[in-house]
């Protein structure tokens, strides 16, 4: 019982951190400026570098880590024999991809 509560706390904290990172990525969107080309009469957009991509990738990585922890603890995907006998790995893989 103590292991499941600690795993639940870890998974919940990973999800909350990824939500904060996703909101931070949404709040720090890229801005652009229009610059004229020095060789002809065309213009192009120049985007500033920001941390929104890094925030989004970090949120994705944390969610992937939490899914891996859940699959490792429950042994339902490829981490050994599952807790419930007779279940299909196809269902586990489908739920993993959909989540």
Protein backbone atom coordinates (compact mmCIF):
# COMPACT_ATOMS: atom_id res chain seq x y z
CA UNK A 1 0.00 0.00 0.00
CA UNK A 2 2.81 2.42 0.82
CA UNK A 3 4.42 1.81 -2.56
CA UNK A 4 1.23 2.63 -4.43
CA UNK A 5 0.74 5.86 -2.47
CA UNK A 6 4.32 6.96 -3.18
CA UNK A 7 3.98 6.07 -6.88
CA UNK A 8 0.70 7.97 -7.00
CA UNK A 9 2.40 11.00 -5.42
CA UNK A 10 5.26 10.84 -7.93
CA UNK A 11 2.90 10.51 -10.91
CA UNK A 12 0.69 13.34 -9.65
CA UNK A 13 3.65 15.64 -9.10
CA UNK A 14 5.03 14.87 -12.58
CA UNK A 15 1.66 15.71 -14.10
CA UNK A 16 1.34 18.94 -12.14
CA UNK A 17 4.83 20.04 -13.16
CA UNK A 18 4.05 19.27 -16.80
CA UNK A 19 0.85 21.34 -16.56
CA UNK A 20 2.84 24.27 -15.20
CA UNK A 21 5.39 23.90 -18.00
CA UNK A 22 2.64 23.70 -20.63
CA UNK A 23 0.98 26.86 -19.30
CA UNK A 24 4.40 28.55 -19.25
CA UNK A 25 4.99 27.52 -22.86
CA UNK A 26 1.63 28.91 -23.87
CA UNK A 27 2.32 32.18 -22.09
CA UNK A 28 5.71 32.69 -23.73
CA UNK A 29 4.78 32.52 -27.37
CA UNK A 30 7.19 33.55 -30.07
CA UNK A 31 7.06 37.07 -31.43
CA UNK A 32 8.19 38.06 -34.87
CA UNK A 33 9.35 41.15 -36.68
CA UNK A 34 9.24 41.83 -40.40
CA UNK A 35 12.65 42.59 -41.86
CA UNK A 36 13.41 43.71 -45.41
CA UNK A 37 15.74 41.57 -47.46
CA UNK A 38 18.99 43.35 -48.30
CA UNK A 39 19.27 41.80 -51.78
CA UNK A 40 15.81 42.40 -53.22
CA UNK A 41 12.49 44.03 -52.37
CA UNK A 42 11.05 41.11 -50.40
CA UNK A 43 10.42 40.96 -46.68
CA UNK A 44 10.68 38.04 -44.27
CA UNK A 45 9.77 37.27 -40.67
CA UNK A 46 12.41 36.92 -37.99
CA UNK A 47 11.31 35.06 -34.85
CA UNK A 48 12.96 35.69 -31.54
CA UNK A 49 14.38 32.80 -29.59
CA UNK A 50 12.39 31.90 -26.54
CA UNK A 51 11.91 29.09 -24.07
CA UNK A 52 8.43 27.99 -25.12
CA UNK A 53 9.75 25.10 -27.20
CA UNK A 54 11.92 23.92 -24.33
CA UNK A 55 8.97 24.19 -21.93
CA UNK A 56 6.77 22.17 -24.25
CA UNK A 57 9.39 19.47 -24.76
CA UNK A 58 10.03 19.28 -21.02
CA UNK A 59 6.29 18.85 -20.38
CA UNK A 60 6.15 16.10 -23.00
CA UNK A 61 9.19 14.41 -21.46
CA UNK A 62 7.65 14.47 -17.98
CA UNK A 63 4.42 12.95 -19.26
CA UNK A 64 6.38 10.27 -21.09
CA UNK A 65 8.34 9.56 -17.91
CA UNK A 66 5.14 9.23 -15.88
CA UNK A 67 3.67 6.82 -18.44
CA UNK A 68 6.85 4.75 -18.29
CA UNK A 69 6.72 4.64 -14.48
CA UNK A 70 3.08 3.52 -14.52
CA UNK A 71 3.83 0.82 -17.09
CA UNK A 72 6.87 -0.29 -15.12
CA UNK A 73 5.02 -0.50 -11.81
CA UNK A 74 1.96 -2.27 -13.21
CA UNK A 75 4.09 -4.40 -15.58
CA UNK A 76 1.46 -4.08 -18.26
CA UNK A 77 3.39 -3.19 -21.41
CA UNK A 78 6.82 -4.70 -21.84
CA UNK A 79 8.23 -4.78 -18.34
CA UNK A 80 7.44 -8.41 -17.59
CA UNK A 81 4.31 -10.38 -16.93
CA UNK A 82 1.24 -8.28 -16.21
CA UNK A 83 -0.62 -8.15 -12.92
CA UNK A 84 -3.83 -9.43 -14.51
CA UNK A 85 -3.41 -12.68 -16.39
CA UNK A 86 -5.02 -13.08 -19.76
CA UNK A 87 -4.84 -9.45 -20.84
CA UNK A 88 -3.63 -8.57 -24.27
CA UNK A 89 -0.49 -6.52 -24.87
CA UNK A 90 -2.28 -4.99 -27.84
CA UNK A 91 -4.77 -3.29 -25.52
CA UNK A 92 -1.97 -2.02 -23.28
CA UNK A 93 0.00 -0.66 -26.26
CA UNK A 94 -3.16 0.96 -27.68
CA UNK A 95 -3.93 2.71 -24.40
CA UNK A 96 -0.29 3.80 -24.10
CA UNK A 97 -0.34 5.39 -27.55
CA UNK A 98 -3.75 7.01 -27.01
CA UNK A 99 -2.78 8.47 -23.67
